[in-house]
Amino acid sequence: MNFKILRITDAGTLERERVVLKAMSEIDIGDYLLAQTGKSEGTGVTNKIHNTYWFPDKEVEAGDLVVLYTKTGKRTVKENDNNKSHFFYWGKTSPVWDATDKTAVLMEISSWESLKSSK
């Protein structure tokens, strides 16, 4: 995996709630989808998806942080001493990480197909 989920921070507080990822190599974050799923004892996660966020195309460098806020906001980039922090916003109006039975799953989706309208 080219990203590592570091943490879910300030769960339950919409203005600060976020998921923090770290890029392990140079990669396009647009090839990834973050899903909120349930927790399971056997595999760690269930097959039920509650919410998803498909990141927009954006090149990130190894060591960069990708921060997904639950709230609405404008995408920005902050220069740090040794890396960058890329901020994304889900646009939700209420917290999604406040339930203890939910967790984050990051999926690489570099290839996909959509159903065309049959009108």
N, C-alpha and C. Protein backbone atom coordinates (compact mmCIF):
# COMPACT_ATOMS: atom_id res chain seq x y z
N MET A 1 0.85 -1.18 0.00
CA MET A 1 0.00 0.00 0.00
C MET A 1 0.89 1.23 0.00
N ASN A 2 0.54 2.20 -0.80
CA ASN A 2 1.32 3.43 -0.92
C ASN A 2 0.94 4.51 0.09
N PHE A 3 -0.08 4.23 0.89
CA PHE A 3 -0.50 5.14 1.95
C PHE A 3 -0.66 4.37 3.24
N LYS A 4 -0.50 5.06 4.33
CA LYS A 4 -0.72 4.49 5.65
C LYS A 4 -1.75 5.36 6.36
N ILE A 5 -2.81 4.74 6.91
CA ILE A 5 -3.76 5.48 7.72
C ILE A 5 -3.12 5.68 9.09
N LEU A 6 -2.83 6.92 9.44
CA LEU A 6 -2.18 7.20 10.71
C LEU A 6 -3.17 7.25 11.86
N ARG A 7 -4.30 7.96 11.64
CA ARG A 7 -5.24 8.11 12.75
C ARG A 7 -6.53 8.80 12.30
N ILE A 8 -7.56 8.63 13.11
CA ILE A 8 -8.78 9.43 13.04
C ILE A 8 -8.71 10.34 14.27
N THR A 9 -8.79 11.64 14.04
CA THR A 9 -8.58 12.61 15.11
C THR A 9 -9.85 13.41 15.40
N ASP A 10 -10.08 13.70 16.67
CA ASP A 10 -11.21 14.53 17.13
C ASP A 10 -12.56 14.00 16.66
N ALA A 11 -12.72 12.68 16.72
CA ALA A 11 -13.98 12.05 16.32
C ALA A 11 -15.14 12.63 17.11
N GLY A 12 -16.22 12.97 16.40
CA GLY A 12 -17.41 13.49 17.03
C GLY A 12 -17.50 15.00 17.07
N THR A 13 -16.41 15.69 16.73
CA THR A 13 -16.40 17.15 16.71
C THR A 13 -16.24 17.60 15.25
N LEU A 14 -17.36 17.98 14.62
CA LEU A 14 -17.37 18.26 13.18
C LEU A 14 -16.27 19.21 12.74
N GLU A 15 -16.04 20.29 13.44
CA GLU A 15 -15.06 21.29 13.01
C GLU A 15 -13.62 20.78 13.01
N ARG A 16 -13.33 19.72 13.76
CA ARG A 16 -11.95 19.22 13.86
C ARG A 16 -11.80 17.77 13.40
N GLU A 17 -12.88 17.06 13.23
CA GLU A 17 -12.83 15.63 12.88
C GLU A 17 -12.12 15.43 11.54
N ARG A 18 -11.15 14.49 11.53
CA ARG A 18 -10.38 14.25 10.32
C ARG A 18 -9.69 12.89 10.34
N VAL A 19 -9.37 12.41 9.14
CA VAL A 19 -8.57 11.21 8.96
C VAL A 19 -7.23 11.67 8.40
N VAL A 20 -6.15 11.16 8.98
CA VAL A 20 -4.81 11.56 8.55
C VAL A 20 -4.11 10.36 7.92
N LEU A 21 -3.63 10.56 6.69
CA LEU A 21 -2.91 9.54 5.93
C LEU A 21 -1.49 10.02 5.67
N LYS A 22 -0.58 9.08 5.46
CA LYS A 22 0.80 9.43 5.10
C LYS A 22 1.16 8.70 3.81
N ALA A 23 1.67 9.46 2.84
CA ALA A 23 2.12 8.86 1.57
C ALA A 23 3.45 8.16 1.79
N MET A 24 3.53 6.92 1.36
CA MET A 24 4.76 6.15 1.51
C MET A 24 5.64 6.21 0.26
N SER A 25 5.07 6.74 -0.83
CA SER A 25 5.80 6.92 -2.08
C SER A 25 5.12 8.04 -2.86
N GLU A 26 5.74 8.46 -3.96
CA GLU A 26 5.11 9.45 -4.83
C GLU A 26 3.93 8.78 -5.52
N ILE A 27 2.75 9.39 -5.42
CA ILE A 27 1.54 8.73 -5.91
C ILE A 27 0.45 9.77 -6.16
N ASP A 28 -0.54 9.40 -6.95
CA ASP A 28 -1.71 10.24 -7.19
C ASP A 28 -2.79 9.82 -6.19
N ILE A 29 -3.18 10.72 -5.30
CA ILE A 29 -4.21 10.40 -4.30
C ILE A 29 -5.57 10.15 -4.98
N GLY A 30 -5.73 10.61 -6.21
CA GLY A 30 -6.97 10.39 -6.96
C GLY A 30 -7.24 8.93 -7.30
N ASP A 31 -6.26 8.08 -7.07
CA ASP A 31 -6.44 6.64 -7.29
C ASP A 31 -6.94 5.93 -6.04
N TYR A 32 -7.38 6.70 -5.04
CA TYR A 32 -7.79 6.11 -3.76
C TYR A 32 -9.16 6.58 -3.31
N LEU A 33 -9.85 5.68 -2.66
CA LEU A 33 -11.16 5.94 -2.07
C LEU A 33 -11.09 5.56 -0.60
N LEU A 34 -11.55 6.46 0.26
CA LEU A 34 -11.61 6.18 1.69
C LEU A 34 -13.05 5.80 2.03
N ALA A 35 -13.22 4.69 2.70
CA ALA A 35 -14.56 4.23 3.07
C ALA A 35 -14.68 4.10 4.57
N GLN A 36 -15.85 4.44 5.06
CA GLN A 36 -16.18 4.20 6.47
C GLN A 36 -16.96 2.90 6.50
N THR A 37 -16.47 1.96 7.28
CA THR A 37 -17.09 0.64 7.36
C THR A 37 -17.21 0.24 8.83
N GLY A 38 -17.90 -0.85 9.06
CA GLY A 38 -18.04 -1.35 10.42
C GLY A 38 -16.83 -2.17 10.85
N LYS A 39 -16.66 -2.33 12.16
CA LYS A 39 -15.59 -3.15 12.70
C LYS A 39 -16.09 -4.56 12.93
N SER A 40 -15.20 -5.52 12.74
CA SER A 40 -15.52 -6.93 12.95
C SER A 40 -14.37 -7.58 13.71
N GLU A 41 -14.68 -8.55 14.55
CA GLU A 41 -13.62 -9.20 15.32
C GLU A 41 -12.72 -10.08 14.46
N GLY A 42 -13.29 -10.82 13.53
CA GLY A 42 -12.49 -11.76 12.75
C GLY A 42 -11.55 -11.09 11.76
N THR A 43 -12.09 -10.29 10.85
CA THR A 43 -11.28 -9.67 9.80
C THR A 43 -10.88 -8.24 10.11
N GLY A 44 -11.48 -7.64 11.12
CA GLY A 44 -11.20 -6.25 11.45
C GLY A 44 -12.21 -5.29 10.88
N VAL A 45 -12.84 -5.66 9.75
CA VAL A 45 -13.85 -4.81 9.12
C VAL A 45 -15.01 -5.66 8.61
N THR A 46 -16.15 -5.01 8.46
CA THR A 46 -17.31 -5.68 7.86
C THR A 46 -17.38 -5.32 6.38
N ASN A 47 -18.32 -5.92 5.66
CA ASN A 47 -18.48 -5.59 4.25
C ASN A 47 -19.53 -4.50 4.03
N LYS A 48 -20.01 -3.87 5.10
CA LYS A 48 -20.99 -2.80 4.97
C LYS A 48 -20.27 -1.45 4.90
N ILE A 49 -20.51 -0.72 3.82
CA ILE A 49 -19.93 0.61 3.63
C ILE A 49 -20.96 1.65 4.05
N HIS A 50 -20.56 2.58 4.91
CA HIS A 50 -21.48 3.62 5.40
C HIS A 50 -21.30 4.94 4.66
N ASN A 51 -20.08 5.35 4.41
CA ASN A 51 -19.76 6.59 3.70
C ASN A 51 -18.49 6.36 2.89
N THR A 52 -18.35 7.10 1.77
CA THR A 52 -17.13 7.01 0.97
C THR A 52 -16.69 8.40 0.55
N TYR A 53 -15.40 8.53 0.32
CA TYR A 53 -14.83 9.75 -0.23
C TYR A 53 -13.79 9.35 -1.26
N TRP A 54 -14.01 9.73 -2.51
CA TRP A 54 -13.05 9.47 -3.58
C TRP A 54 -12.21 10.73 -3.73
N PHE A 55 -10.93 10.60 -3.45
CA PHE A 55 -10.04 11.75 -3.52
C PHE A 55 -9.92 12.25 -4.96
N PRO A 56 -9.82 13.57 -5.16
CA PRO A 56 -9.59 14.10 -6.51
C PRO A 56 -8.14 13.85 -6.93
N ASP A 57 -7.89 13.90 -8.21
CA ASP A 57 -6.53 13.71 -8.71
C ASP A 57 -5.60 14.77 -8.12
N LYS A 58 -4.50 14.31 -7.54
CA LYS A 58 -3.51 15.21 -6.94
C LYS A 58 -2.26 14.40 -6.66
N GLU A 59 -1.14 14.81 -7.24
CA GLU A 59 0.13 14.15 -6.98
C GLU A 59 0.64 14.53 -5.60
N VAL A 60 1.07 13.55 -4.83
CA VAL A 60 1.68 13.79 -3.52
C VAL A 60 3.02 13.07 -3.49
N GLU A 61 3.91 13.58 -2.67
CA GLU A 61 5.26 13.03 -2.55
C GLU A 61 5.36 12.08 -1.35
N ALA A 62 6.35 11.22 -1.37
CA ALA A 62 6.61 10.34 -0.22
C ALA A 62 6.83 11.20 1.02
N GLY A 63 6.17 10.84 2.11
CA GLY A 63 6.28 11.57 3.36
C GLY A 63 5.22 12.64 3.55
N ASP A 64 4.51 13.01 2.47
CA ASP A 64 3.44 14.01 2.60
C ASP A 64 2.29 13.45 3.42
N LEU A 65 1.57 14.35 4.09
CA LEU A 65 0.36 13.99 4.81
C LEU A 65 -0.85 14.37 3.96
N VAL A 66 -1.86 13.52 3.99
CA VAL A 66 -3.14 13.79 3.35
C VAL A 66 -4.16 13.79 4.48
N VAL A 67 -4.84 14.92 4.64
CA VAL A 67 -5.78 15.10 5.74
C VAL A 67 -7.18 15.31 5.16
N LEU A 68 -8.09 14.42 5.53
CA LEU A 68 -9.48 14.52 5.08
C LEU A 68 -10.35 14.96 6.24
N TYR A 69 -10.81 16.22 6.19
CA TYR A 69 -11.75 16.74 7.18
C TYR A 69 -13.16 16.30 6.81
N THR A 70 -13.98 16.03 7.80
CA THR A 70 -15.38 15.66 7.57
C THR A 70 -16.18 16.86 7.10
N LYS A 71 -15.89 18.04 7.59
CA LYS A 71 -16.66 19.26 7.32
C LYS A 71 -16.45 19.78 5.89
N THR A 72 -17.14 20.86 5.58
CA THR A 72 -16.98 21.56 4.31
C THR A 72 -15.79 22.49 4.40
N GLY A 73 -15.06 22.65 3.31
CA GLY A 73 -13.92 23.56 3.28
C GLY A 73 -13.34 23.62 1.89
N LYS A 74 -12.26 24.35 1.75
CA LYS A 74 -11.58 24.51 0.47
C LYS A 74 -10.24 23.79 0.50
N ARG A 75 -9.97 23.00 -0.53
CA ARG A 75 -8.70 22.27 -0.60
C ARG A 75 -7.52 23.22 -0.53
N THR A 76 -6.55 22.87 0.31
CA THR A 76 -5.34 23.67 0.45
C THR A 76 -4.14 22.76 0.63
N VAL A 77 -2.95 23.35 0.52
CA VAL A 77 -1.69 22.64 0.76
C VAL A 77 -0.85 23.52 1.69
N LYS A 78 -0.25 22.91 2.69
CA LYS A 78 0.62 23.63 3.63
C LYS A 78 2.02 23.04 3.52
N GLU A 79 3.01 23.91 3.39
CA GLU A 79 4.41 23.49 3.37
C GLU A 79 4.89 23.28 4.80
N ASN A 80 5.44 22.12 5.09
CA ASN A 80 6.04 21.81 6.39
C ASN A 80 7.56 21.82 6.23
N ASP A 81 8.30 21.53 7.27
CA ASP A 81 9.76 21.51 7.19
C ASP A 81 10.26 20.46 6.19
N ASN A 82 9.75 19.22 6.27
CA ASN A 82 10.26 18.13 5.43
C ASN A 82 9.24 17.55 4.46
N ASN A 83 8.01 18.08 4.47
CA ASN A 83 6.97 17.53 3.61
C ASN A 83 5.87 18.57 3.43
N LYS A 84 4.76 18.13 2.85
CA LYS A 84 3.58 18.97 2.69
C LYS A 84 2.39 18.28 3.34
N SER A 85 1.41 19.09 3.73
CA SER A 85 0.12 18.57 4.19
C SER A 85 -0.92 19.01 3.18
N HIS A 86 -1.66 18.03 2.65
CA HIS A 86 -2.71 18.28 1.66
C HIS A 86 -4.05 18.12 2.36
N PHE A 87 -4.86 19.19 2.37
CA PHE A 87 -6.12 19.18 3.09
C PHE A 87 -7.29 19.04 2.12
N PHE A 88 -8.15 18.05 2.40
CA PHE A 88 -9.35 17.78 1.62
C PHE A 88 -10.56 17.85 2.55
N TYR A 89 -11.74 18.09 1.98
CA TYR A 89 -12.95 18.28 2.78
C TYR A 89 -14.09 17.45 2.19
N TRP A 90 -14.74 16.67 3.06
CA TRP A 90 -15.78 15.72 2.68
C TRP A 90 -17.11 16.42 2.42
N GLY A 91 -17.37 17.54 3.08
CA GLY A 91 -18.61 18.28 2.88
C GLY A 91 -19.79 17.78 3.69
N LYS A 92 -19.52 17.03 4.74
CA LYS A 92 -20.59 16.51 5.61
C LYS A 92 -21.05 17.59 6.59
N THR A 93 -22.30 17.49 7.03
CA THR A 93 -22.85 18.47 7.98
C THR A 93 -22.91 17.94 9.41
N SER A 94 -22.50 16.69 9.59
CA SER A 94 -22.42 16.12 10.93
C SER A 94 -21.25 15.13 10.97
N PRO A 95 -20.72 14.87 12.17
CA PRO A 95 -19.58 13.95 12.29
C PRO A 95 -19.92 12.55 11.78
N VAL A 96 -18.93 11.85 11.26
CA VAL A 96 -19.14 10.46 10.82
C VAL A 96 -18.30 9.46 11.61
N TRP A 97 -17.31 9.94 12.35
CA TRP A 97 -16.41 9.05 13.07
C TRP A 97 -16.71 8.96 14.56
N ASP A 98 -17.91 9.39 14.98
CA ASP A 98 -18.24 9.41 16.40
C ASP A 98 -18.72 8.06 16.93
N ALA A 99 -18.94 7.08 16.08
CA ALA A 99 -19.38 5.75 16.52
C ALA A 99 -18.16 4.84 16.69
N THR A 100 -18.07 4.16 17.83
CA THR A 100 -16.91 3.30 18.11
C THR A 100 -16.90 2.02 17.28
N ASP A 101 -18.02 1.70 16.62
CA ASP A 101 -18.07 0.48 15.82
C ASP A 101 -17.77 0.74 14.34
N LYS A 102 -17.20 1.90 14.02
CA LYS A 102 -16.84 2.26 12.64
C LYS A 102 -15.34 2.44 12.52
N THR A 103 -14.81 2.19 11.33
CA THR A 103 -13.39 2.38 11.07
C THR A 103 -13.18 2.83 9.64
N ALA A 104 -11.97 3.25 9.32
CA ALA A 104 -11.62 3.72 7.98
C ALA A 104 -10.88 2.64 7.21
N VAL A 105 -11.22 2.52 5.93
CA VAL A 105 -10.54 1.60 5.02
C VAL A 105 -10.15 2.40 3.78
N LEU A 106 -8.91 2.27 3.36
CA LEU A 106 -8.43 2.96 2.17
C LEU A 106 -8.28 1.94 1.06
N MET A 107 -8.87 2.22 -0.10
CA MET A 107 -8.83 1.30 -1.23
C MET A 107 -8.21 1.96 -2.45
N GLU A 108 -7.30 1.25 -3.10
CA GLU A 108 -6.72 1.75 -4.35
C GLU A 108 -7.67 1.37 -5.48
N ILE A 109 -8.00 2.36 -6.31
CA ILE A 109 -8.96 2.13 -7.40
C ILE A 109 -8.44 2.75 -8.69
N SER A 110 -7.26 2.37 -9.11
CA SER A 110 -6.64 2.96 -10.29
C SER A 110 -7.36 2.59 -11.59
N SER A 111 -8.19 1.58 -11.55
CA SER A 111 -8.96 1.18 -12.72
C SER A 111 -10.42 1.00 -12.32
N TRP A 112 -11.34 1.59 -13.08
CA TRP A 112 -12.75 1.49 -12.73
C TRP A 112 -13.60 1.68 -13.98
N GLU A 113 -14.84 1.33 -13.87
CA GLU A 113 -15.80 1.48 -14.96
C GLU A 113 -17.12 1.95 -14.38
N SER A 114 -17.84 2.78 -15.11
CA SER A 114 -19.15 3.21 -14.65
C SER A 114 -20.22 2.75 -15.63
N LEU A 115 -21.41 2.59 -15.13
CA LEU A 115 -22.55 2.18 -15.94
C LEU A 115 -23.03 3.39 -16.71
N LYS A 116 -23.13 3.26 -18.01
CA LYS A 116 -23.62 4.37 -18.82
C LYS A 116 -25.14 4.36 -18.78
N SER A 117 -25.73 5.53 -18.86
CA SER A 117 -27.19 5.66 -18.83
C SER A 117 -27.80 4.91 -20.00
N SER A 118 -28.90 4.24 -19.75
CA SER A 118 -29.56 3.44 -20.81
C SER A 118 -30.82 4.13 -21.32
N LYS A 119 -30.88 5.46 -21.24
CA LYS A 119 -32.05 6.22 -21.71
C LYS A 119 -32.20 6.19 -23.20
